[in-house]
Amino acid sequence: MLRKTSQIGIILCALILVVSLAFIGCTKKEDAAASGTLKGKSIIIANWWTNWNVDTYEPANEEESRQLDWRKKIQSDNGFTMYEEEISGWDDYLQLITNYILSGNKKYSAYYVGADWAMSLFRQGLLAPLPSDVVKVSGQEPSAARQQTGYGAAMANMFTFGGNQYAMVINRENESWQTVLVLFNKRLLREAGIDPETPYNMQRDGTWTWDAFLDMVRRTTRDNNNDGITDVYGLASDDDGDVFSAFVYSNGANLITFDNSGRAVNSSNTPAYLEALQFFNDLYTNGYMMPKPTDAQWAWNFYNFVDGGTAFFIGQEWFKGMAGDMQDDYGSVLMPKGPRASNYRVSFTDNVMVVPSIFSAAEVEDILKAIDLWNVPMSDDYLAGHYGVYRDRRAVEETVAMTRDSRYITYRNYMLIPGVNDIYKEFIAAWHEHTGNPAQLIERFAPRYNAAIDSFNR
């Protein structure tokens, strides 16, 4: 009996081995078939800021060298070509890609776009749904160790309609350097009797508030030669709306909110929003905020900060990449807390990637597979790329780290409503000319905001 059982066991083991080998062989065939779908394909990703081609790219460090080697390898192993192309500047980009899609031009497989542009394209029916069963395009953490591209969940949720996702953020969310931060000139703080470490220390201790900020801009605003003309201001006034909106969000307010049914609501008349506008306006009327020059050029407020004309600059994080020639040392902190905020709160928007609706479902799958291979991170240290831009470690290890913490960030959701961003910029332009109660300006623009919101809600 034992001998017979042993024979049966041997036969069963043999059968299991055969089945296992067959399964392994089948899996390998499936893997080969999956990778084989890219063979002969040309995948081009369009953007408005850079070109990235394995034939011309020159790495600047070890991580970039590894990325170049990886991208060469995936193309060689899978028999396809892929690169990123700057197809125009910012001003012409949206119209250009809209024309490409409407004309059925498939030269570009996917486009980087701003979130508001993506929403506009979606509402025109120009975006393809992104199947998550092919590539997990939402809520996946990036991992160099696992050779795994990451995909953000927050933006994916915002662009999910009827169970389909229409836009994605590659790797970490909030990595497009569009968080609005505060830069400060350490020399000017020191000359005003303020220890340059104070903003960092207050941020760490939870005491970095509007009142603390007001005290610093007051002390750094100076007439150095007593001629009645201010030589150094605390900060510069707004240019494109980032400064005012930074105070709005730091006070726990929003221009646009969404109710429980997902409908957009104009929230510019709430107490927290009006309080932010009043504080912002008081900085100007009290002389702490440099007025916008009549001949102001783009980013005038940033370049004035770089030249030492203001102690503070409030703007999007990507400005730090333009501060390399600044002679004075500078630091960076989050926006100070407003009186209605329970914690620090900074706003961001992300560029998203979309695939045009002119591609078939099978073509979309191939495009997503290529994108997934192309964007595998080369390092799990997401802070590493910031050290070469900032002047001190605290800006990276404290401030930048906090901007990747969901407790402190909120999305500039008004960017999702087509037309609202343009109205908001007109609001800021009108503010520069307005002399009455700032709340009157809110009332003046409310009908236009409401019209855009009503159109979105329909």
Protein backbone atom coordinates (compact mmCIF):
# COMPACT_ATOMS: atom_id res chain seq x y z
CA MET A 1 0.00 0.00 0.00
CA LEU A 2 2.82 2.34 0.92
CA ARG A 3 4.60 1.48 -2.33
CA LYS A 4 1.43 2.14 -4.35
CA THR A 5 0.91 5.45 -2.57
CA SER A 6 4.49 6.42 -3.35
CA GLN A 7 3.95 5.69 -7.03
CA ILE A 8 0.82 7.82 -7.02
CA GLY A 9 2.77 10.58 -5.28
CA ILE A 10 5.49 10.43 -7.93
CA ILE A 11 2.89 10.64 -10.69
CA LEU A 12 1.18 13.60 -8.98
CA CYS A 13 4.50 15.38 -8.54
CA ALA A 14 5.27 14.84 -12.20
CA LEU A 15 1.87 16.20 -13.20
CA ILE A 16 2.33 19.23 -10.94
CA LEU A 17 5.76 19.83 -12.46
CA VAL A 18 4.37 19.65 -15.99
CA VAL A 19 1.52 22.01 -15.13
CA SER A 20 3.94 24.38 -13.38
CA LEU A 21 6.28 24.43 -16.36
CA ALA A 22 3.35 25.01 -18.67
CA PHE A 23 2.15 27.88 -16.47
CA ILE A 24 5.61 29.42 -16.36
CA GLY A 25 5.94 29.09 -20.10
CA CYS A 26 2.51 30.64 -20.58
CA THR A 27 3.41 33.52 -18.26
CA LYS A 28 6.61 34.16 -20.18
CA LYS A 29 4.66 34.16 -23.43
CA GLU A 30 2.15 36.60 -21.96
CA ASP A 31 4.98 38.84 -20.78
CA ALA A 32 6.59 38.68 -24.19
CA ALA A 33 3.28 39.43 -25.86
CA ALA A 34 2.72 42.36 -23.55
CA SER A 35 6.13 43.85 -24.27
CA GLY A 36 5.84 42.95 -27.94
CA THR A 37 2.88 45.30 -28.40
CA LEU A 38 5.31 48.22 -28.33
CA LYS A 39 7.53 46.86 -31.08
CA GLY A 40 7.85 49.32 -33.93
CA LYS A 41 5.86 52.02 -32.13
CA SER A 42 6.92 55.67 -31.85
CA ILE A 43 5.71 57.38 -28.69
CA ILE A 44 6.12 61.15 -28.44
CA ILE A 45 5.08 63.13 -25.35
CA ALA A 46 4.43 66.83 -25.98
CA ASN A 47 5.11 69.66 -23.54
CA TRP A 48 5.96 73.38 -23.55
CA TRP A 49 9.27 73.43 -21.65
CA THR A 50 11.85 70.81 -22.67
CA ASN A 51 13.13 68.22 -25.13
CA TRP A 52 14.25 64.79 -23.88
CA ASN A 53 15.75 62.37 -26.39
CA VAL A 54 18.21 59.57 -25.63
CA ASP A 55 20.27 60.60 -28.67
CA THR A 56 20.85 64.17 -27.49
CA TYR A 57 20.34 64.19 -23.72
CA GLU A 58 23.40 65.12 -21.65
CA PRO A 59 23.12 63.96 -18.02
CA ALA A 60 24.36 66.32 -15.32
CA ASN A 61 24.73 63.80 -12.49
CA GLU A 62 24.76 60.10 -11.66
CA GLU A 63 21.00 59.81 -11.30
CA GLU A 64 20.43 61.40 -14.70
CA SER A 65 23.02 59.02 -16.18
CA ARG A 66 21.10 56.06 -14.78
CA GLN A 67 17.89 57.48 -16.21
CA LEU A 68 19.50 57.82 -19.64
CA ASP A 69 20.77 54.22 -19.52
CA TRP A 70 17.34 52.99 -18.41
CA ARG A 71 15.50 54.77 -21.21
CA LYS A 72 17.93 53.45 -23.78
CA LYS A 73 17.45 49.94 -22.42
CA ILE A 74 13.64 49.92 -22.43
CA GLN A 75 13.57 51.09 -26.03
CA SER A 76 16.14 48.51 -27.11
CA ASP A 77 14.49 45.66 -25.19
CA ASN A 78 10.98 46.45 -26.44
CA GLY A 79 11.77 47.65 -29.95
CA PHE A 80 10.13 51.08 -29.80
CA THR A 81 11.23 54.71 -29.79
CA MET A 82 10.13 57.38 -27.35
CA TYR A 83 10.99 60.97 -26.55
CA GLU A 84 9.56 64.19 -25.13
CA GLU A 85 9.25 67.27 -27.32
CA GLU A 86 8.74 70.95 -26.61
CA ILE A 87 6.24 71.80 -29.34
CA SER A 88 5.62 75.47 -28.50
CA GLY A 89 5.74 78.04 -25.75
CA TRP A 90 3.10 78.44 -23.06
CA ASP A 91 0.98 81.03 -24.86
CA ASP A 92 0.30 78.97 -28.00
CA TYR A 93 0.29 75.51 -26.49
CA LEU A 94 -3.38 74.88 -25.69
CA GLN A 95 -4.65 76.09 -29.05
CA LEU A 96 -1.98 74.09 -30.86
CA ILE A 97 -2.76 70.79 -29.17
CA THR A 98 -6.51 71.37 -29.53
CA ASN A 99 -5.97 71.78 -33.27
CA TYR A 100 -3.88 68.60 -33.40
CA ILE A 101 -6.60 66.58 -31.69
CA LEU A 102 -9.51 68.05 -33.64
CA SER A 103 -7.70 67.35 -36.92
CA GLY A 104 -7.01 63.74 -35.91
CA ASN A 105 -3.24 64.23 -35.95
CA LYS A 106 -1.68 61.31 -34.04
CA LYS A 107 1.92 62.54 -34.09
CA TYR A 108 1.84 63.08 -30.33
CA SER A 109 0.73 60.18 -28.16
CA ALA A 110 0.16 62.19 -24.99
CA TYR A 111 0.33 65.76 -23.77
CA TYR A 112 1.36 67.44 -20.56
CA VAL A 113 -1.25 70.10 -19.77
CA GLY A 114 -2.31 72.30 -16.89
CA ALA A 115 -5.25 71.01 -14.88
CA ASP A 116 -7.57 73.72 -16.18
CA TRP A 117 -6.58 72.91 -19.75
CA ALA A 118 -7.22 69.24 -19.10
CA MET A 119 -10.69 70.04 -17.82
CA SER A 120 -11.41 72.14 -20.89
CA LEU A 121 -10.25 69.34 -23.21
CA PHE A 122 -12.32 66.81 -21.29
CA ARG A 123 -15.48 68.89 -21.56
CA GLN A 124 -14.96 69.00 -25.33
CA GLY A 125 -14.75 65.21 -25.44
CA LEU A 126 -11.12 65.29 -26.56
CA LEU A 127 -9.59 63.01 -23.90
CA ALA A 128 -9.40 59.23 -23.88
CA PRO A 129 -10.24 57.23 -20.73
CA LEU A 130 -7.17 55.67 -19.12
CA PRO A 131 -7.76 51.98 -18.29
CA SER A 132 -6.34 51.15 -14.85
CA ASP A 133 -6.30 47.41 -15.58
CA VAL A 134 -3.36 47.95 -17.95
CA VAL A 135 -1.35 50.39 -15.86
CA LYS A 136 -2.30 51.39 -12.30
CA VAL A 137 -2.63 55.08 -13.16
CA SER A 138 -3.87 56.17 -9.73
CA GLY A 139 -2.64 55.82 -6.17
CA GLN A 140 0.59 53.96 -6.85
CA GLU A 141 3.73 55.00 -4.98
CA PRO A 142 6.88 55.43 -7.09
CA SER A 143 9.70 53.02 -6.28
CA ALA A 144 13.15 52.88 -7.80
CA ALA A 145 13.84 49.63 -5.95
CA ARG A 146 10.83 47.94 -7.57
CA GLN A 147 11.26 49.77 -10.90
CA GLN A 148 7.75 51.10 -10.40
CA THR A 149 6.38 54.35 -11.77
CA GLY A 150 4.09 56.19 -9.39
CA TYR A 151 0.73 57.82 -10.10
CA GLY A 152 -0.96 60.39 -7.88
CA ALA A 153 -4.41 59.74 -6.46
CA ALA A 154 -5.71 63.26 -5.73
CA MET A 155 -5.64 64.51 -9.31
CA ALA A 156 -6.84 61.14 -10.58
CA ASN A 157 -9.92 61.45 -8.38
CA MET A 158 -10.59 64.95 -9.68
CA PHE A 159 -10.48 63.67 -13.25
CA THR A 160 -12.58 60.55 -12.76
CA PHE A 161 -16.03 60.82 -14.31
CA GLY A 162 -18.52 58.02 -14.80
CA GLY A 163 -15.99 55.53 -13.47
CA ASN A 164 -13.34 56.52 -16.03
CA GLN A 165 -10.10 58.42 -15.35
CA TYR A 166 -9.04 61.00 -17.93
CA ALA A 167 -5.80 62.52 -16.59
CA MET A 168 -2.85 61.35 -14.53
CA VAL A 169 0.02 62.73 -12.50
CA ILE A 170 3.29 60.88 -13.01
CA ASN A 171 5.15 59.75 -9.88
CA ARG A 172 4.65 62.04 -6.87
CA GLU A 173 1.91 64.62 -6.78
CA ASN A 174 2.97 68.18 -6.17
CA GLU A 175 6.30 67.54 -7.92
CA SER A 176 5.75 70.18 -10.60
CA TRP A 177 7.17 72.90 -8.30
CA GLN A 178 3.94 74.90 -8.37
CA THR A 179 3.37 75.13 -4.62
CA VAL A 180 3.25 78.77 -3.51
CA LEU A 181 6.01 79.38 -0.95
CA VAL A 182 7.70 82.31 0.81
CA LEU A 183 11.32 83.15 -0.01
CA PHE A 184 13.17 85.50 2.35
CA ASN A 185 16.39 87.48 2.01
CA LYS A 186 18.62 86.60 4.96
CA ARG A 187 20.76 89.73 4.70
CA LEU A 188 17.76 92.06 4.80
CA LEU A 189 16.32 90.22 7.80
CA ARG A 190 19.65 90.48 9.60
CA GLU A 191 19.89 94.22 8.87
CA ALA A 192 16.42 94.66 10.36
CA GLY A 193 17.54 92.95 13.57
CA ILE A 194 15.86 89.61 12.79
CA ASP A 195 17.77 86.34 13.08
CA PRO A 196 17.49 84.71 9.61
CA GLU A 197 16.72 81.40 11.28
CA THR A 198 13.59 82.88 12.88
CA PRO A 199 11.15 82.05 10.02
CA TYR A 200 12.37 78.43 10.08
CA ASN A 201 12.18 78.22 13.86
CA MET A 202 8.69 79.71 13.96
CA GLN A 203 7.54 77.35 11.21
CA ARG A 204 8.91 74.43 13.20
CA ASP A 205 7.32 75.62 16.45
CA GLY A 206 3.92 76.37 14.91
CA THR A 207 4.18 80.12 15.57
CA TRP A 208 4.68 81.28 11.97
CA THR A 209 1.50 83.39 11.70
CA TRP A 210 0.18 86.41 9.82
CA ASP A 211 1.04 88.58 12.83
CA ALA A 212 4.64 87.34 12.83
CA PHE A 213 4.90 87.92 9.09
CA LEU A 214 3.39 91.41 9.43
CA ASP A 215 5.98 92.30 12.07
CA MET A 216 8.82 91.19 9.79
CA VAL A 217 7.61 93.02 6.67
CA ARG A 218 7.10 96.15 8.79
CA ARG A 219 10.64 95.97 10.17
CA THR A 220 12.25 95.23 6.80
CA THR A 221 10.46 98.09 5.01
CA ARG A 222 12.98 100.94 5.24
CA ASP A 223 13.92 104.37 3.95
CA ASN A 224 17.69 104.03 4.21
CA ASN A 225 18.65 107.66 3.49
CA ASN A 226 15.65 109.44 5.03
CA ASP A 227 14.61 111.08 1.76
CA GLY A 228 10.99 110.08 2.16
CA ILE A 229 11.25 107.34 -0.47
CA THR A 230 11.11 103.68 0.54
CA ASP A 231 14.32 101.92 -0.51
CA VAL A 232 13.49 98.39 0.67
CA TYR A 233 10.00 96.95 0.94
CA GLY A 234 8.83 94.00 2.98
CA LEU A 235 7.48 92.35 -0.16
CA ALA A 236 6.27 93.19 -3.65
CA SER A 237 2.62 93.39 -4.64
CA ASP A 238 0.88 90.77 -6.68
CA ASP A 239 1.65 90.02 -10.30
CA ASP A 240 -0.48 87.11 -11.46
CA GLY A 241 -2.57 86.37 -8.38
CA ASP A 242 -0.27 84.03 -6.49
CA VAL A 243 0.34 86.41 -3.57
CA PHE A 244 -3.30 87.13 -2.80
CA SER A 245 -4.41 83.52 -3.29
CA ALA A 246 -1.60 82.43 -0.95
CA PHE A 247 -3.18 84.49 1.84
CA VAL A 248 -6.61 83.12 0.95
CA TYR A 249 -5.50 79.51 1.31
CA SER A 250 -3.36 80.20 4.38
CA ASN A 251 -6.51 81.47 6.12
CA GLY A 252 -8.43 78.28 5.38
CA ALA A 253 -10.46 79.88 2.58
CA ASN A 254 -11.05 79.07 -1.09
CA LEU A 255 -12.29 80.94 -4.13
CA ILE A 256 -14.19 77.85 -5.30
CA THR A 257 -15.48 75.03 -3.11
CA PHE A 258 -17.48 71.92 -3.96
CA ASP A 259 -20.64 70.83 -2.15
CA ASN A 260 -21.51 67.24 -1.26
CA SER A 261 -23.04 66.66 -4.68
CA GLY A 262 -19.84 67.77 -6.43
CA ARG A 263 -21.24 71.09 -7.63
CA ALA A 264 -18.89 74.08 -7.63
CA VAL A 265 -19.74 77.02 -5.37
CA ASN A 266 -18.45 80.61 -5.40
CA SER A 267 -16.91 81.08 -1.93
CA SER A 268 -15.34 84.50 -2.46
CA ASN A 269 -17.90 86.10 -0.12
CA THR A 270 -17.05 84.01 2.95
CA PRO A 271 -15.60 85.72 6.06
CA ALA A 272 -12.26 83.89 5.72
CA TYR A 273 -11.88 84.99 2.09
CA LEU A 274 -12.80 88.60 2.83
CA GLU A 275 -10.42 88.63 5.81
CA ALA A 276 -7.57 87.48 3.55
CA LEU A 277 -8.37 90.22 1.05
CA GLN A 278 -8.40 92.84 3.80
CA PHE A 279 -5.04 91.69 5.22
CA PHE A 280 -3.53 91.66 1.74
CA ASN A 281 -4.92 95.13 1.05
CA ASP A 282 -3.62 96.49 4.38
CA LEU A 283 -0.08 95.37 3.53
CA TYR A 284 -0.32 97.62 0.50
CA THR A 285 -2.03 100.64 2.07
CA ASN A 286 0.39 100.61 5.02
CA GLY A 287 3.33 100.89 2.63
CA TYR A 288 4.89 97.49 3.30
CA MET A 289 4.13 96.16 -0.17
CA MET A 290 5.93 97.57 -3.19
CA PRO A 291 3.46 98.88 -5.80
CA LYS A 292 3.54 97.38 -9.27
CA PRO A 293 5.58 99.66 -11.58
CA THR A 294 3.76 101.08 -14.60
CA ASP A 295 6.37 99.53 -16.92
CA ALA A 296 6.48 96.21 -15.06
CA GLN A 297 7.71 93.22 -17.01
CA TRP A 298 6.95 89.55 -16.40
CA ALA A 299 8.08 88.36 -12.93
CA TRP A 300 9.05 91.90 -11.93
CA ASN A 301 8.32 91.13 -8.27
CA PHE A 302 10.64 88.11 -8.30
CA TYR A 303 13.54 89.95 -9.94
CA ASN A 304 13.10 92.81 -7.49
CA PHE A 305 13.52 90.28 -4.68
CA VAL A 306 16.63 88.82 -6.35
CA ASP A 307 18.11 92.32 -6.59
CA GLY A 308 17.54 92.95 -2.88
CA GLY A 309 14.63 95.35 -3.29
CA THR A 310 12.26 93.33 -1.10
CA ALA A 311 12.84 91.12 1.93
CA PHE A 312 10.18 88.55 1.02
CA PHE A 313 8.86 87.02 -2.18
CA ILE A 314 5.68 84.96 -2.40
CA GLY A 315 5.43 82.81 -5.51
CA GLN A 316 5.42 79.35 -7.01
CA GLU A 317 8.23 77.00 -6.09
CA TRP A 318 9.69 76.86 -9.59
CA PHE A 319 10.97 80.42 -9.19
CA LYS A 320 13.77 79.01 -7.04
CA GLY A 321 15.32 77.65 -10.22
CA MET A 322 15.80 81.25 -11.40
CA ALA A 323 17.50 82.46 -8.21
CA GLY A 324 20.93 81.05 -8.99
CA ASP A 325 22.47 84.49 -9.62
CA MET A 326 21.06 86.04 -6.45
CA GLN A 327 23.99 87.47 -4.49
CA ASP A 328 22.25 87.46 -1.12
CA ASP A 329 21.56 84.23 0.70
CA TYR A 330 17.90 83.26 0.96
CA GLY A 331 15.66 80.76 2.72
CA SER A 332 12.19 79.37 2.13
CA VAL A 333 9.19 78.65 4.35
CA LEU A 334 5.50 77.89 3.99
CA MET A 335 2.90 80.64 4.07
CA PRO A 336 2.20 81.87 7.61
CA LYS A 337 -1.04 80.74 9.26
CA GLY A 338 -4.04 83.05 9.08
CA PRO A 339 -6.29 83.56 12.14
CA ARG A 340 -8.93 81.13 10.83
CA ALA A 341 -6.48 78.36 9.91
CA SER A 342 -5.72 75.48 12.27
CA ASN A 343 -2.48 74.60 10.49
CA TYR A 344 -0.17 75.77 7.73
CA ARG A 345 -1.89 75.61 4.38
CA VAL A 346 -0.27 76.12 1.00
CA SER A 347 -1.84 75.66 -2.39
CA PHE A 348 -0.59 73.85 -5.44
CA THR A 349 -1.62 72.83 -8.89
CA ASP A 350 -0.12 70.04 -10.94
CA ASN A 351 0.49 69.52 -14.58
CA VAL A 352 -1.24 66.35 -15.71
CA MET A 353 -0.71 64.01 -18.63
CA VAL A 354 -3.57 63.20 -20.98
CA VAL A 355 -4.06 60.98 -24.02
CA PRO A 356 -6.20 62.33 -26.91
CA SER A 357 -9.51 60.65 -27.67
CA ILE A 358 -8.44 60.08 -31.30
CA PHE A 359 -6.56 56.93 -30.22
CA SER A 360 -8.27 53.54 -30.04
CA ALA A 361 -8.49 51.63 -26.75
CA ALA A 362 -5.67 49.31 -27.88
CA GLU A 363 -3.49 52.28 -28.82
CA VAL A 364 -4.15 53.92 -25.45
CA GLU A 365 -3.00 50.73 -23.72
CA ASP A 366 0.27 50.76 -25.66
CA ILE A 367 0.82 54.44 -24.89
CA LEU A 368 0.28 53.84 -21.17
CA LYS A 369 2.70 50.89 -21.17
CA ALA A 370 5.38 53.04 -22.77
CA ILE A 371 4.76 55.92 -20.35
CA ASP A 372 4.93 53.48 -17.44
CA LEU A 373 8.35 52.23 -18.57
CA TRP A 374 9.68 55.69 -19.43
CA ASN A 375 8.97 57.26 -16.03
CA VAL A 376 10.41 54.66 -13.65
CA PRO A 377 12.23 56.71 -10.97
CA MET A 378 15.97 56.27 -10.53
CA SER A 379 16.00 57.20 -6.85
CA ASP A 380 13.62 56.96 -3.91
CA ASP A 381 15.09 60.10 -2.33
CA TYR A 382 12.56 62.60 -3.64
CA LEU A 383 14.33 65.48 -1.88
CA ALA A 384 17.68 64.88 -3.58
CA GLY A 385 16.95 67.10 -6.57
CA HIS A 386 16.25 70.13 -4.37
CA TYR A 387 19.60 70.44 -2.59
CA GLY A 388 21.34 71.88 -5.63
CA VAL A 389 18.76 74.66 -5.97
CA TYR A 390 18.26 75.90 -2.41
CA ARG A 391 20.96 77.60 -0.35
CA ASP A 392 20.38 75.75 2.94
CA ARG A 393 19.27 72.30 4.06
CA ARG A 394 16.37 73.55 6.17
CA ALA A 395 14.59 74.77 3.04
CA VAL A 396 14.71 71.22 1.69
CA GLU A 397 14.42 69.02 4.77
CA GLU A 398 11.78 71.12 6.52
CA THR A 399 9.90 73.27 4.01
CA VAL A 400 9.97 71.15 0.86
CA ALA A 401 9.27 68.03 2.91
CA MET A 402 6.17 69.73 4.35
CA THR A 403 4.89 70.58 0.87
CA ARG A 404 4.71 66.84 0.17
CA ASP A 405 2.67 66.26 3.33
CA SER A 406 -1.09 66.18 2.71
CA ARG A 407 -1.72 67.94 6.05
CA TYR A 408 -0.35 71.19 4.66
CA ILE A 409 -1.35 71.28 1.00
CA THR A 410 -4.57 71.99 -0.82
CA TYR A 411 -5.32 72.06 -4.51
CA ARG A 412 -6.11 75.36 -6.22
CA ASN A 413 -9.43 73.95 -7.34
CA TYR A 414 -10.56 77.11 -9.10
CA MET A 415 -8.10 76.03 -11.80
CA LEU A 416 -10.50 73.22 -12.69
CA ILE A 417 -13.31 75.57 -13.72
CA PRO A 418 -12.76 76.77 -17.31
CA GLY A 419 -12.62 80.55 -17.44
CA VAL A 420 -12.30 81.20 -13.70
CA ASN A 421 -8.52 81.54 -13.77
CA ASP A 422 -8.78 84.24 -16.45
CA ILE A 423 -11.43 86.08 -14.44
CA TYR A 424 -9.26 85.84 -11.33
CA LYS A 425 -6.29 87.40 -13.16
CA GLU A 426 -8.54 90.25 -14.26
CA PHE A 427 -9.61 90.63 -10.63
CA ILE A 428 -5.97 91.06 -9.59
CA ALA A 429 -5.36 93.57 -12.38
CA ALA A 430 -8.42 95.52 -11.22
CA TRP A 431 -7.19 95.41 -7.61
CA HIS A 432 -4.09 97.38 -8.63
CA GLU A 433 -6.39 100.21 -9.77
CA HIS A 434 -9.07 99.90 -7.08
CA THR A 435 -9.22 102.58 -4.38
CA GLY A 436 -12.41 101.72 -2.49
CA ASN A 437 -13.39 99.01 -0.06
CA PRO A 438 -11.81 95.76 -1.32
CA ALA A 439 -15.07 93.92 -0.62
CA GLN A 440 -16.67 96.03 -3.37
CA LEU A 441 -14.29 94.40 -5.83
CA ILE A 442 -15.56 90.98 -4.76
CA GLU A 443 -19.13 92.08 -5.46
CA ARG A 444 -18.14 93.49 -8.84
CA PHE A 445 -16.64 90.22 -10.05
CA ALA A 446 -19.18 87.86 -8.44
CA PRO A 447 -21.55 87.75 -11.46
CA ARG A 448 -18.72 86.69 -13.77
CA TYR A 449 -17.51 84.01 -11.37
CA ASN A 450 -21.07 82.76 -10.96
CA ALA A 451 -21.64 82.58 -14.71
CA ALA A 452 -18.52 80.45 -15.21
CA ILE A 453 -19.48 78.22 -12.28
CA ASP A 454 -23.06 77.81 -13.51
CA SER A 455 -21.75 76.76 -16.91
CA PHE A 456 -19.48 74.19 -15.26
CA ASN A 457 -22.29 72.80 -13.08
CA ARG A 458 -24.68 72.28 -15.98
